[in-house]
Amino acid sequence: MRPPDPKKREKILASAIDQFVKKGYYEATAIDIAKSVKMSASHIYTYFKDKDDLFLHAILRMKDEHTALSTELAKKSVGVDDASFIEQFYMAQKKIYYRVRFITHCMLTPGLSHLFEGTDFNYSEVFLPYLEDWPEELARHTARALGSISVSYFLLGDIDNAKAASLNILSNARASIKEILS
């Protein structure tokens, strides 16, 4: 028997992400996913153990894409003023809003939350490159607060308050740095 084709696996995963985001975990079926990649539903399970395994791989892929996008933006924004960074960050988040909101809701959904056990969904890490010249402990705490605000945005969809809260956090943290250094 031939080993599974990595390109087919990627197609299945892309289709699964699309179906899960559009329909949710419970409504998305292997048949829907298989139709879009022109294969049988049973063939999907050559690549994934079961629906939970496929779902978790889809979630991890979306999380990795979000982290890569956000981290790259933070790296490019070093030295940019806080308001510009926050504006760019949330504009980039709008592009993937529905995917990340889906992940966030699934993490809080009874019956699905067990699938996330042992996974690391720490959104604070994406802010660390922007804060690279800060004292380490203050950078970690500030990044954690910014990560919490961005998750709240995904849950509530309130971008204006998320931006304002993020700027407030950065402003207060910068004031703390000045106080520490003086």
N, C-alpha and C. Protein backbone atom coordinates (compact mmCIF):
# COMPACT_ATOMS: atom_id res chain seq x y z
N MET A 1 0.84 -1.18 0.00
CA MET A 1 0.00 0.00 0.00
C MET A 1 0.89 1.24 0.00
N ARG A 2 0.50 2.25 -0.80
CA ARG A 2 1.27 3.49 -0.87
C ARG A 2 1.10 4.32 0.40
N PRO A 3 2.15 5.04 0.79
CA PRO A 3 2.01 5.92 1.95
C PRO A 3 1.08 7.08 1.60
N PRO A 4 0.41 7.65 2.61
CA PRO A 4 -0.49 8.78 2.36
C PRO A 4 0.24 9.95 1.70
N ASP A 5 -0.43 10.63 0.79
CA ASP A 5 0.11 11.75 0.04
C ASP A 5 -0.01 13.04 0.87
N PRO A 6 1.12 13.70 1.20
CA PRO A 6 1.07 14.92 2.01
C PRO A 6 0.24 16.04 1.36
N LYS A 7 0.22 16.10 0.03
CA LYS A 7 -0.58 17.14 -0.64
C LYS A 7 -2.07 16.91 -0.44
N LYS A 8 -2.48 15.65 -0.47
CA LYS A 8 -3.89 15.33 -0.22
C LYS A 8 -4.25 15.67 1.22
N ARG A 9 -3.33 15.37 2.12
CA ARG A 9 -3.57 15.67 3.53
C ARG A 9 -3.79 17.18 3.72
N GLU A 10 -2.98 17.97 3.06
CA GLU A 10 -3.12 19.44 3.14
C GLU A 10 -4.46 19.90 2.58
N LYS A 11 -4.89 19.29 1.47
CA LYS A 11 -6.19 19.63 0.88
C LYS A 11 -7.33 19.28 1.83
N ILE A 12 -7.23 18.12 2.45
CA ILE A 12 -8.25 17.70 3.42
C ILE A 12 -8.29 18.70 4.57
N LEU A 13 -7.13 19.06 5.08
CA LEU A 13 -7.05 19.98 6.21
C LEU A 13 -7.64 21.35 5.84
N ALA A 14 -7.31 21.86 4.65
CA ALA A 14 -7.86 23.15 4.21
C ALA A 14 -9.38 23.08 4.09
N SER A 15 -9.89 21.98 3.54
CA SER A 15 -11.33 21.81 3.43
C SER A 15 -11.99 21.71 4.80
N ALA A 16 -11.34 20.98 5.71
CA ALA A 16 -11.88 20.83 7.06
C ALA A 16 -11.96 22.17 7.77
N ILE A 17 -10.92 22.98 7.63
CA ILE A 17 -10.94 24.31 8.24
C ILE A 17 -12.13 25.10 7.70
N ASP A 18 -12.29 25.09 6.39
CA ASP A 18 -13.39 25.82 5.77
C ASP A 18 -14.74 25.32 6.30
N GLN A 19 -14.93 24.02 6.33
CA GLN A 19 -16.20 23.45 6.78
C GLN A 19 -16.45 23.70 8.27
N PHE A 20 -15.43 23.53 9.09
CA PHE A 20 -15.60 23.75 10.53
C PHE A 20 -15.93 25.21 10.82
N VAL A 21 -15.27 26.14 10.15
CA VAL A 21 -15.53 27.56 10.39
C VAL A 21 -16.93 27.92 9.89
N LYS A 22 -17.33 27.42 8.74
CA LYS A 22 -18.66 27.73 8.19
C LYS A 22 -19.80 27.09 8.97
N LYS A 23 -19.61 25.82 9.33
CA LYS A 23 -20.73 25.05 9.88
C LYS A 23 -20.61 24.72 11.37
N GLY A 24 -19.41 24.85 11.91
CA GLY A 24 -19.20 24.44 13.29
C GLY A 24 -18.81 22.97 13.36
N TYR A 25 -18.33 22.58 14.50
CA TYR A 25 -17.86 21.21 14.69
C TYR A 25 -18.95 20.18 14.44
N TYR A 26 -20.11 20.40 15.05
CA TYR A 26 -21.15 19.38 15.02
C TYR A 26 -21.83 19.26 13.66
N GLU A 27 -21.92 20.33 12.90
CA GLU A 27 -22.61 20.30 11.62
C GLU A 27 -21.71 19.91 10.44
N ALA A 28 -20.41 20.13 10.58
CA ALA A 28 -19.48 19.74 9.51
C ALA A 28 -19.35 18.22 9.50
N THR A 29 -19.39 17.64 8.31
CA THR A 29 -19.30 16.18 8.21
C THR A 29 -18.12 15.78 7.32
N ALA A 30 -17.71 14.55 7.49
CA ALA A 30 -16.64 14.00 6.65
C ALA A 30 -17.07 14.00 5.19
N ILE A 31 -18.36 13.81 4.95
CA ILE A 31 -18.88 13.80 3.58
C ILE A 31 -18.70 15.19 2.95
N ASP A 32 -19.03 16.26 3.70
CA ASP A 32 -18.85 17.63 3.19
C ASP A 32 -17.38 17.90 2.87
N ILE A 33 -16.53 17.49 3.77
CA ILE A 33 -15.09 17.72 3.61
C ILE A 33 -14.59 16.92 2.40
N ALA A 34 -14.99 15.68 2.31
CA ALA A 34 -14.55 14.80 1.22
C ALA A 34 -15.02 15.30 -0.14
N LYS A 35 -16.26 15.78 -0.22
CA LYS A 35 -16.79 16.29 -1.50
C LYS A 35 -15.91 17.40 -2.06
N SER A 36 -15.49 18.30 -1.20
CA SER A 36 -14.71 19.44 -1.69
C SER A 36 -13.30 19.06 -2.15
N VAL A 37 -12.81 17.90 -1.72
CA VAL A 37 -11.49 17.45 -2.17
C VAL A 37 -11.59 16.26 -3.11
N LYS A 38 -12.82 15.95 -3.51
CA LYS A 38 -13.09 14.90 -4.50
C LYS A 38 -12.51 13.53 -4.10
N MET A 39 -12.88 13.12 -2.90
CA MET A 39 -12.50 11.78 -2.45
C MET A 39 -13.62 11.25 -1.55
N SER A 40 -13.53 10.01 -1.19
CA SER A 40 -14.56 9.42 -0.33
C SER A 40 -14.31 9.83 1.12
N ALA A 41 -15.39 9.87 1.88
CA ALA A 41 -15.27 10.23 3.29
C ALA A 41 -14.37 9.25 4.05
N SER A 42 -14.46 7.99 3.70
CA SER A 42 -13.63 7.00 4.40
C SER A 42 -12.14 7.22 4.12
N HIS A 43 -11.83 7.77 2.95
CA HIS A 43 -10.43 8.01 2.60
C HIS A 43 -9.80 9.09 3.50
N ILE A 44 -10.61 10.00 3.99
CA ILE A 44 -10.10 11.04 4.90
C ILE A 44 -9.44 10.40 6.11
N TYR A 45 -10.00 9.28 6.55
CA TYR A 45 -9.49 8.65 7.77
C TYR A 45 -8.23 7.82 7.53
N THR A 46 -7.72 7.88 6.32
CA THR A 46 -6.38 7.37 6.05
C THR A 46 -5.36 8.37 6.60
N TYR A 47 -5.79 9.63 6.67
CA TYR A 47 -4.92 10.73 7.08
C TYR A 47 -5.14 11.18 8.53
N PHE A 48 -6.35 10.95 9.03
CA PHE A 48 -6.70 11.38 10.38
C PHE A 48 -7.46 10.26 11.07
N LYS A 49 -7.21 10.07 12.37
CA LYS A 49 -7.82 8.96 13.11
C LYS A 49 -9.34 9.01 13.10
N ASP A 50 -9.87 10.21 13.38
CA ASP A 50 -11.31 10.38 13.47
C ASP A 50 -11.62 11.87 13.35
N LYS A 51 -12.87 12.24 13.52
CA LYS A 51 -13.27 13.64 13.37
C LYS A 51 -12.57 14.53 14.39
N ASP A 52 -12.44 14.04 15.64
CA ASP A 52 -11.75 14.83 16.66
C ASP A 52 -10.30 15.12 16.26
N ASP A 53 -9.63 14.12 15.72
CA ASP A 53 -8.24 14.29 15.28
C ASP A 53 -8.15 15.31 14.14
N LEU A 54 -9.05 15.21 13.19
CA LEU A 54 -9.09 16.17 12.08
C LEU A 54 -9.38 17.57 12.59
N PHE A 55 -10.33 17.67 13.51
CA PHE A 55 -10.69 18.96 14.09
C PHE A 55 -9.50 19.58 14.82
N LEU A 56 -8.83 18.79 15.65
CA LEU A 56 -7.69 19.32 16.39
C LEU A 56 -6.58 19.78 15.44
N HIS A 57 -6.30 19.01 14.39
CA HIS A 57 -5.29 19.43 13.42
C HIS A 57 -5.72 20.72 12.71
N ALA A 58 -7.00 20.85 12.43
CA ALA A 58 -7.51 22.08 11.80
C ALA A 58 -7.33 23.27 12.73
N ILE A 59 -7.66 23.08 13.99
CA ILE A 59 -7.52 24.15 14.99
C ILE A 59 -6.05 24.54 15.13
N LEU A 60 -5.19 23.54 15.24
CA LEU A 60 -3.76 23.83 15.39
C LEU A 60 -3.21 24.56 14.17
N ARG A 61 -3.67 24.19 12.99
CA ARG A 61 -3.24 24.88 11.76
C ARG A 61 -3.68 26.35 11.80
N MET A 62 -4.94 26.60 12.17
CA MET A 62 -5.43 27.98 12.24
C MET A 62 -4.66 28.77 13.29
N LYS A 63 -4.37 28.15 14.42
CA LYS A 63 -3.61 28.82 15.47
C LYS A 63 -2.21 29.15 14.98
N ASP A 64 -1.57 28.20 14.29
CA ASP A 64 -0.22 28.43 13.76
C ASP A 64 -0.22 29.56 12.74
N GLU A 65 -1.23 29.60 11.88
CA GLU A 65 -1.33 30.67 10.88
C GLU A 65 -1.51 32.02 11.56
N HIS A 66 -2.37 32.06 12.58
CA HIS A 66 -2.60 33.30 13.32
C HIS A 66 -1.32 33.76 14.03
N THR A 67 -0.65 32.82 14.67
CA THR A 67 0.58 33.16 15.40
C THR A 67 1.65 33.66 14.43
N ALA A 68 1.81 33.00 13.29
CA ALA A 68 2.82 33.42 12.31
C ALA A 68 2.51 34.81 11.78
N LEU A 69 1.26 35.06 11.43
CA LEU A 69 0.87 36.38 10.92
C LEU A 69 1.12 37.47 11.96
N SER A 70 0.68 37.22 13.18
CA SER A 70 0.81 38.21 14.24
C SER A 70 2.26 38.44 14.65
N THR A 71 3.03 37.36 14.75
CA THR A 71 4.43 37.48 15.13
C THR A 71 5.23 38.23 14.07
N GLU A 72 4.97 37.93 12.81
CA GLU A 72 5.66 38.64 11.72
C GLU A 72 5.34 40.13 11.77
N LEU A 73 4.09 40.46 12.02
CA LEU A 73 3.69 41.86 12.13
C LEU A 73 4.40 42.53 13.30
N ALA A 74 4.47 41.84 14.44
CA ALA A 74 5.13 42.41 15.61
C ALA A 74 6.62 42.64 15.33
N LYS A 75 7.26 41.70 14.64
CA LYS A 75 8.68 41.86 14.30
C LYS A 75 8.89 43.06 13.38
N LYS A 76 8.02 43.23 12.41
CA LYS A 76 8.14 44.36 11.47
C LYS A 76 7.84 45.69 12.14
N SER A 77 7.14 45.65 13.27
CA SER A 77 6.68 46.87 13.92
C SER A 77 7.61 47.38 15.01
N VAL A 78 8.71 46.69 15.26
CA VAL A 78 9.65 47.15 16.28
C VAL A 78 10.09 48.57 15.91
N GLY A 79 9.98 49.48 16.86
CA GLY A 79 10.36 50.86 16.62
C GLY A 79 9.22 51.74 16.14
N VAL A 80 8.09 51.14 15.77
CA VAL A 80 6.91 51.89 15.34
C VAL A 80 6.19 52.36 16.59
N ASP A 81 5.53 53.51 16.52
CA ASP A 81 4.81 53.99 17.70
C ASP A 81 3.67 53.02 18.04
N ASP A 82 3.27 53.03 19.30
CA ASP A 82 2.28 52.08 19.79
C ASP A 82 0.96 52.16 19.04
N ALA A 83 0.49 53.36 18.77
CA ALA A 83 -0.81 53.52 18.08
C ALA A 83 -0.76 52.88 16.69
N SER A 84 0.33 53.07 15.97
CA SER A 84 0.46 52.47 14.64
C SER A 84 0.53 50.96 14.73
N PHE A 85 1.29 50.46 15.71
CA PHE A 85 1.39 49.01 15.88
C PHE A 85 0.02 48.40 16.18
N ILE A 86 -0.70 48.98 17.12
CA ILE A 86 -2.01 48.43 17.51
C ILE A 86 -2.97 48.49 16.32
N GLU A 87 -2.96 49.59 15.59
CA GLU A 87 -3.83 49.71 14.41
C GLU A 87 -3.50 48.63 13.38
N GLN A 88 -2.21 48.45 13.09
CA GLN A 88 -1.79 47.42 12.13
C GLN A 88 -2.15 46.02 12.63
N PHE A 89 -1.95 45.79 13.92
CA PHE A 89 -2.24 44.48 14.50
C PHE A 89 -3.72 44.13 14.32
N TYR A 90 -4.60 45.03 14.69
CA TYR A 90 -6.03 44.72 14.61
C TYR A 90 -6.54 44.70 13.17
N MET A 91 -5.94 45.45 12.29
CA MET A 91 -6.33 45.36 10.88
C MET A 91 -5.95 43.99 10.31
N ALA A 92 -4.78 43.51 10.71
CA ALA A 92 -4.36 42.17 10.27
C ALA A 92 -5.29 41.10 10.86
N GLN A 93 -5.71 41.31 12.09
CA GLN A 93 -6.59 40.34 12.74
C GLN A 93 -7.95 40.26 12.05
N LYS A 94 -8.40 41.36 11.47
CA LYS A 94 -9.69 41.35 10.78
C LYS A 94 -9.70 40.33 9.65
N LYS A 95 -8.55 40.14 9.01
CA LYS A 95 -8.46 39.19 7.89
C LYS A 95 -8.76 37.76 8.33
N ILE A 96 -8.43 37.44 9.56
CA ILE A 96 -8.62 36.07 10.04
C ILE A 96 -9.59 36.01 11.22
N TYR A 97 -10.36 37.06 11.39
CA TYR A 97 -11.25 37.19 12.54
C TYR A 97 -12.13 35.95 12.75
N TYR A 98 -12.82 35.51 11.71
CA TYR A 98 -13.77 34.41 11.87
C TYR A 98 -13.09 33.11 12.26
N ARG A 99 -11.90 32.90 11.75
CA ARG A 99 -11.18 31.68 12.12
C ARG A 99 -10.78 31.70 13.59
N VAL A 100 -10.21 32.81 14.04
CA VAL A 100 -9.74 32.87 15.42
C VAL A 100 -10.92 32.92 16.38
N ARG A 101 -11.99 33.60 15.99
CA ARG A 101 -13.19 33.61 16.84
C ARG A 101 -13.73 32.18 16.99
N PHE A 102 -13.71 31.44 15.90
CA PHE A 102 -14.15 30.05 15.95
C PHE A 102 -13.31 29.25 16.94
N ILE A 103 -12.00 29.38 16.88
CA ILE A 103 -11.10 28.67 17.80
C ILE A 103 -11.45 29.04 19.24
N THR A 104 -11.59 30.34 19.49
CA THR A 104 -11.86 30.83 20.84
C THR A 104 -13.17 30.26 21.37
N HIS A 105 -14.21 30.28 20.54
CA HIS A 105 -15.49 29.73 20.97
C HIS A 105 -15.40 28.23 21.23
N CYS A 106 -14.69 27.52 20.39
CA CYS A 106 -14.55 26.07 20.58
C CYS A 106 -13.85 25.75 21.88
N MET A 107 -12.86 26.54 22.24
CA MET A 107 -12.12 26.31 23.47
C MET A 107 -13.04 26.42 24.69
N LEU A 108 -14.09 27.21 24.56
CA LEU A 108 -15.00 27.45 25.68
C LEU A 108 -16.28 26.61 25.60
N THR A 109 -16.41 25.80 24.57
CA THR A 109 -17.63 25.02 24.36
C THR A 109 -17.56 23.69 25.11
N PRO A 110 -18.52 23.48 26.03
CA PRO A 110 -18.57 22.17 26.69
C PRO A 110 -18.71 21.08 25.62
N GLY A 111 -18.02 20.00 25.80
CA GLY A 111 -18.06 18.92 24.83
C GLY A 111 -16.94 19.02 23.81
N LEU A 112 -16.35 20.19 23.67
CA LEU A 112 -15.21 20.36 22.76
C LEU A 112 -13.94 20.74 23.50
N SER A 113 -14.09 21.36 24.65
CA SER A 113 -12.93 21.88 25.37
C SER A 113 -11.90 20.80 25.69
N HIS A 114 -12.34 19.54 25.86
CA HIS A 114 -11.39 18.46 26.16
C HIS A 114 -10.39 18.25 25.02
N LEU A 115 -10.76 18.64 23.80
CA LEU A 115 -9.86 18.46 22.66
C LEU A 115 -8.63 19.37 22.75
N PHE A 116 -8.72 20.40 23.57
CA PHE A 116 -7.63 21.37 23.69
C PHE A 116 -6.67 21.06 24.83
N GLU A 117 -6.97 20.04 25.60
CA GLU A 117 -6.09 19.69 26.71
C GLU A 117 -4.70 19.35 26.19
N GLY A 118 -3.70 19.94 26.81
CA GLY A 118 -2.33 19.67 26.42
C GLY A 118 -1.83 20.51 25.25
N THR A 119 -2.69 21.39 24.71
CA THR A 119 -2.24 22.28 23.65
C THR A 119 -1.93 23.64 24.24
N ASP A 120 -1.06 24.37 23.61
CA ASP A 120 -0.66 25.69 24.10
C ASP A 120 -1.29 26.76 23.22
N PHE A 121 -2.27 27.44 23.78
CA PHE A 121 -2.92 28.54 23.06
C PHE A 121 -2.65 29.83 23.81
N ASN A 122 -1.42 30.27 23.75
CA ASN A 122 -0.99 31.46 24.46
C ASN A 122 -0.77 32.57 23.44
N TYR A 123 -1.77 33.46 23.29
CA TYR A 123 -1.67 34.52 22.31
C TYR A 123 -0.69 35.62 22.71
N SER A 124 -0.24 35.60 23.95
CA SER A 124 0.68 36.65 24.38
C SER A 124 2.01 36.58 23.63
N GLU A 125 2.40 35.38 23.20
CA GLU A 125 3.69 35.20 22.53
C GLU A 125 3.82 36.06 21.27
N VAL A 126 2.70 36.37 20.62
CA VAL A 126 2.79 37.12 19.36
C VAL A 126 3.21 38.57 19.59
N PHE A 127 3.06 39.07 20.81
CA PHE A 127 3.42 40.46 21.10
C PHE A 127 4.88 40.62 21.53
N LEU A 128 5.53 39.55 21.93
CA LEU A 128 6.88 39.66 22.47
C LEU A 128 7.90 40.29 21.52
N PRO A 129 7.88 39.99 20.21
CA PRO A 129 8.86 40.66 19.34
C PRO A 129 8.73 42.19 19.35
N TYR A 130 7.52 42.71 19.46
CA TYR A 130 7.32 44.16 19.51
C TYR A 130 7.91 44.74 20.80
N LEU A 131 7.96 43.95 21.85
CA LEU A 131 8.43 44.41 23.16
C LEU A 131 9.85 43.95 23.46
N GLU A 132 10.59 43.60 22.41
CA GLU A 132 11.90 42.97 22.61
C GLU A 132 12.91 43.81 23.38
N ASP A 133 12.79 45.13 23.34
CA ASP A 133 13.76 45.97 24.05
C ASP A 133 13.30 46.34 25.46
N TRP A 134 12.23 45.74 25.92
CA TRP A 134 11.70 46.00 27.26
C TRP A 134 12.34 45.06 28.27
N PRO A 135 12.32 45.44 29.56
CA PRO A 135 12.75 44.48 30.59
C PRO A 135 11.90 43.20 30.46
N GLU A 136 12.54 42.06 30.57
CA GLU A 136 11.90 40.77 30.24
C GLU A 136 10.59 40.53 30.99
N GLU A 137 10.59 40.72 32.30
CA GLU A 137 9.38 40.42 33.07
C GLU A 137 8.24 41.37 32.70
N LEU A 138 8.53 42.63 32.52
CA LEU A 138 7.49 43.59 32.13
C LEU A 138 6.98 43.28 30.72
N ALA A 139 7.87 42.87 29.84
CA ALA A 139 7.44 42.50 28.48
C ALA A 139 6.49 41.30 28.54
N ARG A 140 6.80 40.30 29.35
CA ARG A 140 5.94 39.11 29.45
C ARG A 140 4.56 39.47 30.00
N HIS A 141 4.53 40.30 31.06
CA HIS A 141 3.24 40.69 31.66
C HIS A 141 2.42 41.55 30.69
N THR A 142 3.10 42.47 30.01
CA THR A 142 2.40 43.33 29.05
C THR A 142 1.87 42.49 27.89
N ALA A 143 2.69 41.58 27.39
CA ALA A 143 2.26 40.71 26.29
C ALA A 143 1.07 39.85 26.71
N ARG A 144 1.09 39.37 27.94
CA ARG A 144 -0.04 38.57 28.44
C ARG A 144 -1.32 39.40 28.47
N ALA A 145 -1.21 40.65 28.93
CA ALA A 145 -2.39 41.53 28.97
C ALA A 145 -2.89 41.83 27.55
N LEU A 146 -1.96 42.10 26.63
CA LEU A 146 -2.35 42.36 25.24
C LEU A 146 -3.00 41.13 24.61
N GLY A 147 -2.48 39.95 24.94
CA GLY A 147 -3.07 38.71 24.44
C GLY A 147 -4.49 38.52 24.95
N SER A 148 -4.72 38.84 26.22
CA SER A 148 -6.07 38.73 26.79
C SER A 148 -7.04 39.68 26.10
N ILE A 149 -6.57 40.89 25.84
CA ILE A 149 -7.42 41.88 25.15
C ILE A 149 -7.76 41.38 23.75
N SER A 150 -6.79 40.82 23.03
CA SER A 150 -7.08 40.38 21.66
C SER A 150 -8.05 39.20 21.66
N VAL A 151 -7.95 38.31 22.64
CA VAL A 151 -8.92 37.21 22.74
C VAL A 151 -10.30 37.75 23.04
N SER A 152 -10.38 38.75 23.91
CA SER A 152 -11.68 39.38 24.20
C SER A 152 -12.28 39.98 22.94
N TYR A 153 -11.46 40.60 22.13
CA TYR A 153 -11.94 41.16 20.86
C TYR A 153 -12.56 40.07 20.01
N PHE A 154 -11.89 38.94 19.92
CA PHE A 154 -12.42 37.85 19.09
C PHE A 154 -13.75 37.35 19.62
N LEU A 155 -13.90 37.35 20.94
CA LEU A 155 -15.17 36.89 21.52
C LEU A 155 -16.28 37.92 21.35
N LEU A 156 -15.96 39.18 21.55
CA LEU A 156 -16.98 40.22 21.55
C LEU A 156 -17.09 40.99 20.24
N GLY A 157 -16.04 40.95 19.42
CA GLY A 157 -16.06 41.67 18.16
C GLY A 157 -15.98 43.18 18.31
N ASP A 158 -15.46 43.64 19.44
CA ASP A 158 -15.40 45.09 19.72
C ASP A 158 -13.99 45.62 19.50
N ILE A 159 -13.68 45.90 18.24
CA ILE A 159 -12.32 46.29 17.88
C ILE A 159 -11.92 47.64 18.46
N ASP A 160 -12.84 48.59 18.52
CA ASP A 160 -12.48 49.92 19.02
C ASP A 160 -12.08 49.88 20.49
N ASN A 161 -12.83 49.17 21.30
CA ASN A 161 -12.45 49.05 22.71
C ASN A 161 -11.20 48.21 22.89
N ALA A 162 -11.00 47.22 22.04
CA ALA A 162 -9.77 46.42 22.12
C ALA A 162 -8.55 47.29 21.82
N LYS A 163 -8.66 48.13 20.80
CA LYS A 163 -7.54 49.04 20.47
C LYS A 163 -7.27 50.00 21.63
N ALA A 164 -8.34 50.59 22.16
CA ALA A 164 -8.18 51.55 23.26
C ALA A 164 -7.56 50.89 24.48
N ALA A 165 -8.03 49.70 24.82
CA ALA A 165 -7.48 48.98 25.98
C ALA A 165 -6.02 48.60 25.74
N SER A 166 -5.70 48.17 24.52
CA SER A 166 -4.32 47.80 24.19
C SER A 166 -3.39 49.00 24.31
N LEU A 167 -3.83 50.14 23.79
CA LEU A 167 -3.01 51.36 23.89
C LEU A 167 -2.84 51.79 25.35
N ASN A 168 -3.88 51.64 26.13
CA ASN A 168 -3.81 51.98 27.55
C ASN A 168 -2.80 51.09 28.27
N ILE A 169 -2.83 49.79 27.96
CA ILE A 169 -1.87 48.86 28.56
C ILE A 169 -0.44 49.25 28.19
N LEU A 170 -0.21 49.53 26.91
CA LEU A 170 1.15 49.91 26.47
C LEU A 170 1.58 51.22 27.11
N SER A 171 0.68 52.18 27.20
CA SER A 171 1.00 53.48 27.80
C SER A 171 1.38 53.32 29.27
N ASN A 172 0.58 52.56 30.01
CA ASN A 172 0.87 52.35 31.43
C ASN A 172 2.17 51.57 31.63
N ALA A 173 2.42 50.60 30.78
CA ALA A 173 3.66 49.82 30.88
C ALA A 173 4.87 50.70 30.57
N ARG A 174 4.76 51.55 29.55
CA ARG A 174 5.87 52.46 29.24
C ARG A 174 6.13 53.43 30.39
N ALA A 175 5.07 53.88 31.04
CA ALA A 175 5.22 54.76 32.21
C ALA A 175 5.94 54.02 33.33
N SER A 176 5.64 52.73 33.50
CA SER A 176 6.32 51.94 34.51
C SER A 176 7.81 51.80 34.20
N ILE A 177 8.13 51.62 32.93
CA ILE A 177 9.54 51.51 32.53
C ILE A 177 10.28 52.81 32.87
N LYS A 178 9.67 53.94 32.53
CA LYS A 178 10.30 55.24 32.84
C LYS A 178 10.52 55.40 34.33
N GLU A 179 9.52 55.00 35.12
CA GLU A 179 9.62 55.11 36.56
C GLU A 179 10.73 54.21 37.11
N ILE A 180 10.83 53.01 36.58
CA ILE A 180 11.86 52.07 37.02
C ILE A 180 13.25 52.59 36.68
N LEU A 181 13.39 53.15 35.48
CA LEU A 181 14.70 53.60 35.02
C LEU A 181 15.12 54.95 35.62
N SER A 182 14.18 55.69 36.22
CA SER A 182 14.58 57.02 36.77
C SER A 182 14.96 56.95 38.21
